Amino acid sequence: MGVIALILFHKQSTSGRLRFARFDNTVVAARIDVDGDPEVVTPHPGILINQAAARLGLAVGELRVEPEFRERMLAPGGTASVWIAEFAAIDPPFAAVEQAGGRFVLLTELQGIPDTERDVMRSVYEHVLGG
């Protein structure tokens, strides 16, 4: 069994400031379980976008999947295929994330998340900022 997970970020267009939506001790905003290896048979990430948008009370169009990013990470019971999506708004939707029990954080504020997620976050950061 595997997992497909979605991480949400916001990149400020004027400054390049990169923030991530964090929910308690995870940066995973949406996830679905799949039979088998999620790298072999991967459902379209739109399912994750729908789930995350519903969780945050946002319209689906307010989240954009980054199609060129996909990473693997260890997850309980198997592996996870990780997708990322960007908040489309000019400013981060602080209220929506807070209402869902989350908050926006910088990469340096990710202490306390699982090591496997933190490893993926380095790849996300480099991908988004071109590092």
N, C-alpha and C. Protein backbone atom coordinates (compact mmCIF):
# COMPACT_ATOMS: atom_id res chain seq x y z
N MET A 1 0.84 -1.17 0.00
CA MET A 1 0.00 0.00 0.00
C MET A 1 0.88 1.24 0.00
N GLY A 2 0.45 2.27 -0.66
CA GLY A 2 1.20 3.51 -0.72
C GLY A 2 0.30 4.71 -0.45
N VAL A 3 0.91 5.86 -0.48
CA VAL A 3 0.22 7.11 -0.20
C VAL A 3 0.61 8.13 -1.25
N ILE A 4 -0.34 8.95 -1.62
CA ILE A 4 -0.05 10.12 -2.44
C ILE A 4 -0.37 11.32 -1.57
N ALA A 5 0.59 12.23 -1.45
CA ALA A 5 0.46 13.36 -0.53
C ALA A 5 0.67 14.68 -1.26
N LEU A 6 0.11 15.74 -0.68
CA LEU A 6 0.22 17.08 -1.26
C LEU A 6 0.72 18.06 -0.22
N ILE A 7 1.71 18.84 -0.59
CA ILE A 7 2.26 19.90 0.24
C ILE A 7 1.93 21.23 -0.43
N LEU A 8 1.49 22.21 0.36
CA LEU A 8 1.10 23.51 -0.17
C LEU A 8 2.12 24.58 0.17
N PHE A 9 2.36 25.47 -0.78
CA PHE A 9 3.29 26.57 -0.55
C PHE A 9 2.77 27.85 -1.16
N HIS A 10 3.32 28.95 -0.70
CA HIS A 10 3.04 30.26 -1.28
C HIS A 10 4.36 30.97 -1.50
N LYS A 11 4.55 31.45 -2.73
CA LYS A 11 5.76 32.21 -3.05
C LYS A 11 5.32 33.65 -3.34
N GLN A 12 5.82 34.56 -2.53
CA GLN A 12 5.47 35.98 -2.70
C GLN A 12 6.11 36.47 -3.99
N SER A 13 5.29 36.99 -4.90
CA SER A 13 5.79 37.38 -6.21
C SER A 13 6.74 38.58 -6.15
N THR A 14 6.57 39.45 -5.19
CA THR A 14 7.41 40.64 -5.13
C THR A 14 8.74 40.41 -4.42
N SER A 15 8.77 39.50 -3.46
CA SER A 15 9.99 39.31 -2.67
C SER A 15 10.61 37.92 -2.83
N GLY A 16 9.85 36.97 -3.34
CA GLY A 16 10.34 35.60 -3.42
C GLY A 16 10.26 34.85 -2.10
N ARG A 17 9.62 35.45 -1.09
CA ARG A 17 9.49 34.79 0.22
C ARG A 17 8.65 33.53 0.06
N LEU A 18 9.18 32.43 0.56
CA LEU A 18 8.52 31.14 0.40
C LEU A 18 8.00 30.67 1.75
N ARG A 19 6.69 30.40 1.79
CA ARG A 19 6.04 29.91 3.01
C ARG A 19 5.34 28.60 2.70
N PHE A 20 5.24 27.77 3.74
CA PHE A 20 4.57 26.48 3.61
C PHE A 20 3.41 26.40 4.58
N ALA A 21 2.34 25.74 4.17
CA ALA A 21 1.22 25.50 5.07
C ALA A 21 1.59 24.31 5.95
N ARG A 22 1.49 24.52 7.25
CA ARG A 22 1.84 23.47 8.22
C ARG A 22 0.61 23.20 9.07
N PHE A 23 0.36 21.93 9.31
CA PHE A 23 -0.79 21.50 10.12
C PHE A 23 -0.27 20.62 11.25
N ASP A 24 -0.27 21.15 12.46
CA ASP A 24 0.29 20.45 13.62
C ASP A 24 1.72 20.01 13.33
N ASN A 25 1.95 18.70 13.29
CA ASN A 25 3.32 18.22 13.09
C ASN A 25 3.55 17.68 11.68
N THR A 26 2.85 18.24 10.69
CA THR A 26 3.01 17.78 9.32
C THR A 26 2.83 18.94 8.34
N VAL A 27 3.43 18.80 7.17
CA VAL A 27 3.21 19.74 6.09
C VAL A 27 2.31 19.13 5.01
N VAL A 28 1.84 17.93 5.25
CA VAL A 28 0.95 17.27 4.29
C VAL A 28 -0.46 17.83 4.47
N ALA A 29 -0.96 18.47 3.42
CA ALA A 29 -2.28 19.11 3.47
C ALA A 29 -3.39 18.17 3.00
N ALA A 30 -3.03 17.19 2.18
CA ALA A 30 -4.00 16.23 1.67
C ALA A 30 -3.26 14.93 1.37
N ARG A 31 -3.98 13.83 1.47
CA ARG A 31 -3.36 12.53 1.18
C ARG A 31 -4.43 11.53 0.82
N ILE A 32 -4.06 10.59 -0.01
CA ILE A 32 -4.95 9.47 -0.32
C ILE A 32 -4.12 8.19 -0.31
N ASP A 33 -4.73 7.14 0.14
CA ASP A 33 -4.09 5.83 0.12
C ASP A 33 -4.35 5.17 -1.23
N VAL A 34 -3.35 4.49 -1.75
CA VAL A 34 -3.48 3.78 -3.02
C VAL A 34 -2.98 2.36 -2.84
N ASP A 35 -3.53 1.47 -3.61
CA ASP A 35 -3.05 0.09 -3.61
C ASP A 35 -1.77 0.04 -4.44
N GLY A 36 -0.76 -0.59 -3.90
CA GLY A 36 0.49 -0.74 -4.63
C GLY A 36 1.41 0.45 -4.50
N ASP A 37 2.40 0.48 -5.36
CA ASP A 37 3.42 1.53 -5.36
C ASP A 37 2.87 2.78 -6.04
N PRO A 38 2.84 3.93 -5.35
CA PRO A 38 2.29 5.13 -5.96
C PRO A 38 3.12 5.68 -7.11
N GLU A 39 4.32 5.17 -7.32
CA GLU A 39 5.12 5.59 -8.46
C GLU A 39 4.73 4.83 -9.72
N VAL A 40 4.12 3.66 -9.55
CA VAL A 40 3.74 2.85 -10.69
C VAL A 40 2.37 3.28 -11.22
N VAL A 41 1.41 3.37 -10.33
CA VAL A 41 0.07 3.81 -10.70
C VAL A 41 -0.29 5.00 -9.82
N THR A 42 -0.27 6.18 -10.42
CA THR A 42 -0.52 7.39 -9.66
C THR A 42 -1.80 8.06 -10.13
N PRO A 43 -2.77 8.19 -9.24
CA PRO A 43 -3.97 8.95 -9.62
C PRO A 43 -3.60 10.40 -9.93
N HIS A 44 -4.42 11.04 -10.71
CA HIS A 44 -4.20 12.44 -11.05
C HIS A 44 -4.20 13.27 -9.77
N PRO A 45 -3.29 14.24 -9.63
CA PRO A 45 -3.21 15.03 -8.39
C PRO A 45 -4.43 15.93 -8.17
N GLY A 46 -5.32 16.02 -9.13
CA GLY A 46 -6.54 16.80 -8.94
C GLY A 46 -7.35 16.33 -7.75
N ILE A 47 -7.29 15.05 -7.45
CA ILE A 47 -7.98 14.50 -6.28
C ILE A 47 -7.44 15.16 -5.02
N LEU A 48 -6.12 15.33 -4.96
CA LEU A 48 -5.50 15.97 -3.80
C LEU A 48 -5.87 17.45 -3.73
N ILE A 49 -5.90 18.10 -4.87
CA ILE A 49 -6.27 19.53 -4.91
C ILE A 49 -7.69 19.71 -4.39
N ASN A 50 -8.59 18.86 -4.84
CA ASN A 50 -9.99 18.93 -4.37
C ASN A 50 -10.05 18.76 -2.86
N GLN A 51 -9.31 17.78 -2.35
CA GLN A 51 -9.31 17.51 -0.90
C GLN A 51 -8.73 18.69 -0.12
N ALA A 52 -7.62 19.23 -0.58
CA ALA A 52 -6.99 20.36 0.12
C ALA A 52 -7.86 21.60 0.05
N ALA A 53 -8.44 21.89 -1.11
CA ALA A 53 -9.31 23.06 -1.25
C ALA A 53 -10.52 22.95 -0.32
N ALA A 54 -11.11 21.77 -0.24
CA ALA A 54 -12.25 21.57 0.66
C ALA A 54 -11.83 21.76 2.12
N ARG A 55 -10.68 21.24 2.47
CA ARG A 55 -10.18 21.37 3.84
C ARG A 55 -9.99 22.84 4.23
N LEU A 56 -9.54 23.65 3.27
CA LEU A 56 -9.26 25.06 3.52
C LEU A 56 -10.43 25.98 3.22
N GLY A 57 -11.49 25.44 2.63
CA GLY A 57 -12.62 26.28 2.26
C GLY A 57 -12.30 27.20 1.09
N LEU A 58 -11.44 26.75 0.19
CA LEU A 58 -11.05 27.54 -0.98
C LEU A 58 -11.63 26.95 -2.25
N ALA A 59 -11.73 27.75 -3.27
CA ALA A 59 -12.11 27.24 -4.59
C ALA A 59 -10.94 26.43 -5.14
N VAL A 60 -11.23 25.40 -5.91
CA VAL A 60 -10.18 24.54 -6.46
C VAL A 60 -9.18 25.35 -7.26
N GLY A 61 -9.64 26.37 -7.98
CA GLY A 61 -8.75 27.19 -8.79
C GLY A 61 -7.76 28.03 -8.02
N GLU A 62 -7.89 28.06 -6.70
CA GLU A 62 -6.96 28.84 -5.88
C GLU A 62 -5.69 28.07 -5.55
N LEU A 63 -5.61 26.81 -6.02
CA LEU A 63 -4.42 25.98 -5.84
C LEU A 63 -3.96 25.49 -7.20
N ARG A 64 -2.66 25.59 -7.46
CA ARG A 64 -2.10 25.14 -8.74
C ARG A 64 -1.06 24.07 -8.49
N VAL A 65 -1.26 22.90 -9.07
CA VAL A 65 -0.27 21.82 -8.96
C VAL A 65 0.98 22.21 -9.74
N GLU A 66 2.13 21.92 -9.17
CA GLU A 66 3.41 22.10 -9.85
C GLU A 66 3.70 20.77 -10.56
N PRO A 67 3.42 20.68 -11.87
CA PRO A 67 3.50 19.38 -12.55
C PRO A 67 4.89 18.80 -12.69
N GLU A 68 5.93 19.62 -12.56
CA GLU A 68 7.29 19.13 -12.75
C GLU A 68 7.94 18.66 -11.46
N PHE A 69 7.19 18.62 -10.37
CA PHE A 69 7.77 18.17 -9.11
C PHE A 69 7.03 16.93 -8.64
N ARG A 70 7.77 15.91 -8.34
CA ARG A 70 7.25 14.74 -7.66
C ARG A 70 8.42 14.07 -6.96
N GLU A 71 8.23 13.78 -5.70
CA GLU A 71 9.29 13.23 -4.87
C GLU A 71 8.74 12.03 -4.11
N ARG A 72 9.61 11.13 -3.74
CA ARG A 72 9.22 9.99 -2.91
C ARG A 72 9.66 10.22 -1.48
N MET A 73 8.87 9.72 -0.55
CA MET A 73 9.30 9.72 0.85
C MET A 73 8.75 8.49 1.54
N LEU A 74 9.43 8.07 2.58
CA LEU A 74 8.94 6.96 3.38
C LEU A 74 7.72 7.42 4.15
N ALA A 75 6.76 6.53 4.25
CA ALA A 75 5.53 6.82 4.99
C ALA A 75 5.18 5.58 5.79
N PRO A 76 4.40 5.73 6.85
CA PRO A 76 4.00 4.55 7.61
C PRO A 76 3.35 3.51 6.69
N GLY A 77 3.89 2.32 6.68
CA GLY A 77 3.34 1.24 5.89
C GLY A 77 3.78 1.21 4.44
N GLY A 78 4.71 2.07 4.04
CA GLY A 78 5.15 2.04 2.64
C GLY A 78 5.82 3.33 2.22
N THR A 79 5.56 3.72 0.99
CA THR A 79 6.14 4.96 0.48
C THR A 79 5.03 5.92 0.06
N ALA A 80 5.41 7.18 -0.02
CA ALA A 80 4.47 8.22 -0.47
C ALA A 80 5.07 8.90 -1.68
N SER A 81 4.21 9.20 -2.62
CA SER A 81 4.57 10.02 -3.76
C SER A 81 4.06 11.42 -3.43
N VAL A 82 4.96 12.40 -3.41
CA VAL A 82 4.61 13.73 -2.95
C VAL A 82 4.48 14.69 -4.13
N TRP A 83 3.37 15.39 -4.17
CA TRP A 83 3.12 16.47 -5.12
C TRP A 83 3.13 17.77 -4.33
N ILE A 84 3.35 18.88 -5.03
CA ILE A 84 3.24 20.18 -4.40
C ILE A 84 2.27 21.05 -5.19
N ALA A 85 1.66 21.99 -4.48
CA ALA A 85 0.76 22.94 -5.14
C ALA A 85 0.98 24.31 -4.54
N GLU A 86 0.82 25.31 -5.39
CA GLU A 86 1.03 26.70 -4.98
C GLU A 86 -0.31 27.39 -4.79
N PHE A 87 -0.39 28.21 -3.76
CA PHE A 87 -1.54 29.08 -3.60
C PHE A 87 -1.46 30.13 -4.70
N ALA A 88 -2.54 30.31 -5.46
CA ALA A 88 -2.53 31.21 -6.60
C ALA A 88 -2.69 32.68 -6.23
N ALA A 89 -3.16 32.98 -5.04
CA ALA A 89 -3.40 34.36 -4.63
C ALA A 89 -2.10 35.12 -4.46
N ILE A 90 -2.17 36.44 -4.62
CA ILE A 90 -1.00 37.29 -4.44
C ILE A 90 -0.48 37.19 -3.01
N ASP A 91 -1.40 37.19 -2.06
CA ASP A 91 -1.02 37.07 -0.64
C ASP A 91 -1.43 35.70 -0.12
N PRO A 92 -0.70 35.16 0.85
CA PRO A 92 -1.07 33.86 1.42
C PRO A 92 -2.46 33.94 2.06
N PRO A 93 -3.26 32.89 1.91
CA PRO A 93 -4.58 32.87 2.56
C PRO A 93 -4.47 32.47 4.03
N PHE A 94 -3.94 33.39 4.83
CA PHE A 94 -3.69 33.11 6.25
C PHE A 94 -4.95 32.61 6.96
N ALA A 95 -6.08 33.27 6.75
CA ALA A 95 -7.32 32.91 7.46
C ALA A 95 -7.78 31.51 7.10
N ALA A 96 -7.71 31.15 5.83
CA ALA A 96 -8.16 29.81 5.41
C ALA A 96 -7.31 28.72 6.04
N VAL A 97 -6.00 28.92 6.06
CA VAL A 97 -5.10 27.92 6.65
C VAL A 97 -5.31 27.86 8.16
N GLU A 98 -5.47 29.01 8.78
CA GLU A 98 -5.70 29.03 10.23
C GLU A 98 -7.02 28.36 10.59
N GLN A 99 -8.05 28.60 9.81
CA GLN A 99 -9.36 27.98 10.06
C GLN A 99 -9.27 26.45 9.97
N ALA A 100 -8.35 25.96 9.15
CA ALA A 100 -8.16 24.51 8.99
C ALA A 100 -7.19 23.95 10.03
N GLY A 101 -6.81 24.78 11.00
CA GLY A 101 -5.92 24.29 12.06
C GLY A 101 -4.45 24.38 11.71
N GLY A 102 -4.12 25.17 10.70
CA GLY A 102 -2.73 25.28 10.29
C GLY A 102 -2.19 26.68 10.42
N ARG A 103 -0.99 26.84 9.90
CA ARG A 103 -0.35 28.16 9.88
C ARG A 103 0.71 28.14 8.79
N PHE A 104 1.12 29.31 8.36
CA PHE A 104 2.20 29.41 7.39
C PHE A 104 3.52 29.51 8.13
N VAL A 105 4.52 28.78 7.61
CA VAL A 105 5.85 28.80 8.22
C VAL A 105 6.91 28.90 7.13
N LEU A 106 8.07 29.34 7.55
CA LEU A 106 9.25 29.35 6.67
C LEU A 106 9.95 28.00 6.79
N LEU A 107 10.85 27.73 5.89
CA LEU A 107 11.59 26.47 5.92
C LEU A 107 12.31 26.29 7.26
N THR A 108 12.81 27.37 7.82
CA THR A 108 13.55 27.30 9.08
C THR A 108 12.65 27.02 10.28
N GLU A 109 11.33 27.04 10.08
CA GLU A 109 10.38 26.82 11.17
C GLU A 109 9.71 25.44 11.09
N LEU A 110 10.38 24.49 10.49
CA LEU A 110 9.79 23.16 10.31
C LEU A 110 10.24 22.14 11.34
N GLN A 111 10.80 22.59 12.46
CA GLN A 111 11.17 21.65 13.51
C GLN A 111 9.91 20.93 13.98
N GLY A 112 10.07 19.67 14.28
CA GLY A 112 8.95 18.90 14.82
C GLY A 112 8.16 18.12 13.79
N ILE A 113 8.46 18.29 12.50
CA ILE A 113 7.79 17.46 11.50
C ILE A 113 8.63 16.19 11.32
N PRO A 114 8.05 15.12 10.79
CA PRO A 114 8.83 13.89 10.58
C PRO A 114 10.06 14.14 9.71
N ASP A 115 11.13 13.41 10.00
CA ASP A 115 12.37 13.56 9.24
C ASP A 115 12.16 13.35 7.75
N THR A 116 11.32 12.39 7.37
CA THR A 116 11.08 12.13 5.96
C THR A 116 10.45 13.34 5.27
N GLU A 117 9.56 14.03 5.96
CA GLU A 117 8.96 15.25 5.39
C GLU A 117 10.00 16.36 5.28
N ARG A 118 10.82 16.50 6.29
CA ARG A 118 11.83 17.55 6.27
C ARG A 118 12.80 17.34 5.11
N ASP A 119 13.16 16.09 4.83
CA ASP A 119 14.03 15.80 3.70
C ASP A 119 13.38 16.21 2.38
N VAL A 120 12.10 15.96 2.24
CA VAL A 120 11.38 16.34 1.02
C VAL A 120 11.31 17.87 0.91
N MET A 121 11.18 18.54 2.04
CA MET A 121 11.05 19.99 2.01
C MET A 121 12.29 20.67 1.44
N ARG A 122 13.43 20.07 1.62
CA ARG A 122 14.64 20.63 0.99
C ARG A 122 14.50 20.60 -0.54
N SER A 123 13.99 19.50 -1.05
CA SER A 123 13.77 19.39 -2.50
C SER A 123 12.72 20.36 -2.99
N VAL A 124 11.66 20.54 -2.22
CA VAL A 124 10.61 21.50 -2.59
C VAL A 124 11.21 22.90 -2.67
N TYR A 125 11.94 23.28 -1.65
CA TYR A 125 12.55 24.61 -1.59
C TYR A 125 13.45 24.85 -2.80
N GLU A 126 14.31 23.88 -3.08
CA GLU A 126 15.22 24.02 -4.22
C GLU A 126 14.46 24.09 -5.54
N HIS A 127 13.41 23.30 -5.68
CA HIS A 127 12.63 23.30 -6.91
C HIS A 127 11.93 24.65 -7.12
N VAL A 128 11.29 25.15 -6.08
CA VAL A 128 10.50 26.38 -6.20
C VAL A 128 11.41 27.59 -6.43
N LEU A 129 12.51 27.66 -5.70
CA LEU A 129 13.38 28.83 -5.81
C LEU A 129 14.52 28.64 -6.81
N GLY A 130 14.56 27.45 -7.43
CA GLY A 130 15.59 27.22 -8.44
C GLY A 130 16.99 27.04 -7.90
N GLY A 131 17.06 26.54 -6.64
CA GLY A 131 18.35 26.40 -5.98
C GLY A 131 19.16 25.30 -6.49
